[in-house]
Amino acid sequence: MSKMGYFSVFQRFMHQTQESREITIFVKNVLFMSF
């Protein structure tokens, strides 16, 4: 999956409910560790 692909998923999480923000933060941390 490309960086843009991850970014689109990230953007989608950003538009979700507040509960999903925790998931977004987790995903963001994983991505930062990957790159």
PDB file of N, CA and C in Angstrom:
ATOM      1  N   MET A   1       0.847  -1.197   0.000  1.00  0.00           N
ATOM      2  CA  MET A   1       0.000   0.000   0.000  1.00  0.00           C
ATOM      3  C   MET A   1       0.888   1.255   0.000  1.00  0.00           C
ATOM      4  N   SER A   2       0.574   2.191  -0.844  1.00  0.00           N
ATOM      5  CA  SER A   2       1.377   3.409  -0.957  1.00  0.00           C
ATOM      6  C   SER A   2       1.097   4.380   0.189  1.00  0.00           C
ATOM      7  N   LYS A   3       1.940   5.388   0.293  1.00  0.00           N
ATOM      8  CA  LYS A   3       1.731   6.422   1.315  1.00  0.00           C
ATOM      9  C   LYS A   3       0.396   7.116   1.105  1.00  0.00           C
ATOM     10  N   MET A   4       0.048   7.377  -0.148  1.00  0.00           N
ATOM     11  CA  MET A   4      -1.228   8.027  -0.452  1.00  0.00           C
ATOM     12  C   MET A   4      -2.404   7.156  -0.028  1.00  0.00           C
ATOM     13  N   GLY A   5      -2.251   5.857  -0.171  1.00  0.00           N
ATOM     14  CA  GLY A   5      -3.292   4.924   0.258  1.00  0.00           C
ATOM     15  C   GLY A   5      -3.507   5.002   1.761  1.00  0.00           C
ATOM     16  N   TYR A   6      -2.391   5.016   2.494  1.00  0.00           N
ATOM     17  CA  TYR A   6      -2.485   5.151   3.942  1.00  0.00           C
ATOM     18  C   TYR A   6      -3.101   6.499   4.316  1.00  0.00           C
ATOM     19  N   PHE A   7      -2.715   7.533   3.566  1.00  0.00           N
ATOM     20  CA  PHE A   7      -3.224   8.877   3.855  1.00  0.00           C
ATOM     21  C   PHE A   7      -4.727   8.944   3.681  1.00  0.00           C
ATOM     22  N   SER A   8      -5.255   8.276   2.621  1.00  0.00           N
ATOM     23  CA  SER A   8      -6.698   8.277   2.415  1.00  0.00           C
ATOM     24  C   SER A   8      -7.445   7.576   3.539  1.00  0.00           C
ATOM     25  N   VAL A   9      -6.861   6.490   4.027  1.00  0.00           N
ATOM     26  CA  VAL A   9      -7.468   5.773   5.160  1.00  0.00           C
ATOM     27  C   VAL A   9      -7.427   6.681   6.400  1.00  0.00           C
ATOM     28  N   PHE A  10      -6.281   7.344   6.579  1.00  0.00           N
ATOM     29  CA  PHE A  10      -6.113   8.263   7.705  1.00  0.00           C
ATOM     30  C   PHE A  10      -7.150   9.386   7.652  1.00  0.00           C
ATOM     31  N   GLN A  11      -7.331   9.958   6.443  1.00  0.00           N
ATOM     32  CA  GLN A  11      -8.317  11.033   6.266  1.00  0.00           C
ATOM     33  C   GLN A  11      -9.715  10.543   6.599  1.00  0.00           C
ATOM     34  N   ARG A  12     -10.001   9.296   6.203  1.00  0.00           N
ATOM     35  CA  ARG A  12     -11.322   8.724   6.461  1.00  0.00           C
ATOM     36  C   ARG A  12     -11.544   8.595   7.968  1.00  0.00           C
ATOM     37  N   PHE A  13     -10.525   8.165   8.693  1.00  0.00           N
ATOM     38  CA  PHE A  13     -10.640   8.053  10.145  1.00  0.00           C
ATOM     39  C   PHE A  13     -10.876   9.423  10.781  1.00  0.00           C
ATOM     40  N   MET A  14     -10.236  10.447  10.234  1.00  0.00           N
ATOM     41  CA  MET A  14     -10.366  11.800  10.771  1.00  0.00           C
ATOM     42  C   MET A  14     -11.804  12.308  10.702  1.00  0.00           C
ATOM     43  N   HIS A  15     -12.557  11.798   9.742  1.00  0.00           N
ATOM     44  CA  HIS A  15     -13.944  12.241   9.579  1.00  0.00           C
ATOM     45  C   HIS A  15     -14.941  11.376  10.357  1.00  0.00           C
ATOM     46  N   GLN A  16     -14.423  10.411  11.102  1.00  0.00           N
ATOM     47  CA  GLN A  16     -15.303   9.516  11.859  1.00  0.00           C
ATOM     48  C   GLN A  16     -15.661  10.129  13.215  1.00  0.00           C
ATOM     49  N   THR A  17     -16.299   9.332  14.042  1.00  0.00           N
ATOM     50  CA  THR A  17     -16.710   9.790  15.372  1.00  0.00           C
ATOM     51  C   THR A  17     -15.503   9.979  16.284  1.00  0.00           C
ATOM     52  N   GLN A  18     -15.729  10.605  17.425  1.00  0.00           N
ATOM     53  CA  GLN A  18     -14.646  10.857  18.374  1.00  0.00           C
ATOM     54  C   GLN A  18     -14.001   9.561  18.856  1.00  0.00           C
ATOM     55  N   GLU A  19     -14.789   8.499  18.992  1.00  0.00           N
ATOM     56  CA  GLU A  19     -14.254   7.210  19.424  1.00  0.00           C
ATOM     57  C   GLU A  19     -13.201   6.716  18.447  1.00  0.00           C
ATOM     58  N   SER A  20     -13.417   6.971  17.169  1.00  0.00           N
ATOM     59  CA  SER A  20     -12.485   6.541  16.134  1.00  0.00           C
ATOM     60  C   SER A  20     -11.195   7.357  16.146  1.00  0.00           C
ATOM     61  N   ARG A  21     -11.204   8.498  16.826  1.00  0.00           N
ATOM     62  CA  ARG A  21      -9.985   9.304  16.910  1.00  0.00           C
ATOM     63  C   ARG A  21      -8.878   8.542  17.619  1.00  0.00           C
ATOM     64  N   GLU A  22      -9.238   7.699  18.583  1.00  0.00           N
ATOM     65  CA  GLU A  22      -8.237   6.881  19.262  1.00  0.00           C
ATOM     66  C   GLU A  22      -7.588   5.919  18.280  1.00  0.00           C
ATOM     67  N   ILE A  23      -8.406   5.360  17.384  1.00  0.00           N
ATOM     68  CA  ILE A  23      -7.899   4.466  16.348  1.00  0.00           C
ATOM     69  C   ILE A  23      -6.974   5.249  15.412  1.00  0.00           C
ATOM     70  N   THR A  24      -7.380   6.463  15.067  1.00  0.00           N
ATOM     71  CA  THR A  24      -6.574   7.310  14.182  1.00  0.00           C
ATOM     72  C   THR A  24      -5.209   7.585  14.780  1.00  0.00           C
ATOM     73  N   ILE A  25      -5.184   7.918  16.063  1.00  0.00           N
ATOM     74  CA  ILE A  25      -3.921   8.185  16.756  1.00  0.00           C
ATOM     75  C   ILE A  25      -3.048   6.937  16.743  1.00  0.00           C
ATOM     76  N   PHE A  26      -3.648   5.780  16.982  1.00  0.00           N
ATOM     77  CA  PHE A  26      -2.919   4.516  16.951  1.00  0.00           C
ATOM     78  C   PHE A  26      -2.332   4.262  15.572  1.00  0.00           C
ATOM     79  N   VAL A  27      -3.152   4.438  14.536  1.00  0.00           N
ATOM     80  CA  VAL A  27      -2.700   4.239  13.158  1.00  0.00           C
ATOM     81  C   VAL A  27      -1.563   5.205  12.833  1.00  0.00           C
ATOM     82  N   LYS A  28      -1.712   6.449  13.254  1.00  0.00           N
ATOM     83  CA  LYS A  28      -0.687   7.462  12.998  1.00  0.00           C
ATOM     84  C   LYS A  28       0.637   7.061  13.646  1.00  0.00           C
ATOM     85  N   ASN A  29       0.578   6.586  14.883  1.00  0.00           N
ATOM     86  CA  ASN A  29       1.785   6.141  15.574  1.00  0.00           C
ATOM     87  C   ASN A  29       2.442   4.975  14.856  1.00  0.00           C
ATOM     88  N   VAL A  30       1.643   4.033  14.382  1.00  0.00           N
ATOM     89  CA  VAL A  30       2.164   2.882  13.646  1.00  0.00           C
ATOM     90  C   VAL A  30       2.841   3.342  12.353  1.00  0.00           C
ATOM     91  N   LEU A  31       2.199   4.274  11.658  1.00  0.00           N
ATOM     92  CA  LEU A  31       2.778   4.785  10.411  1.00  0.00           C
ATOM     93  C   LEU A  31       4.096   5.502  10.666  1.00  0.00           C
ATOM     94  N   PHE A  32       4.178   6.291  11.719  1.00  0.00           N
ATOM     95  CA  PHE A  32       5.417   6.988  12.032  1.00  0.00           C
ATOM     96  C   PHE A  32       6.526   5.999  12.368  1.00  0.00           C
ATOM     97  N   MET A  33       6.182   4.904  13.034  1.00  0.00           N
ATOM     98  CA  MET A  33       7.178   3.880  13.345  1.00  0.00           C
ATOM     99  C   MET A  33       7.615   3.138  12.085  1.00  0.00           C
ATOM    100  N   SER A  34       6.686   2.984  11.132  1.00  0.00           N
ATOM    101  CA  SER A  34       7.001   2.287   9.885  1.00  0.00           C
ATOM    102  C   SER A  34       7.955   3.098   9.015  1.00  0.00           C
ATOM    103  N   PHE A  35       7.701   4.404   8.945  1.00  0.00           N
ATOM    104  CA  PHE A  35       8.549   5.270   8.120  1.00  0.00           C
ATOM    105  C   PHE A  35       9.666   5.830   8.980  1.00  0.00           C
TER     106      PHE A  35
END
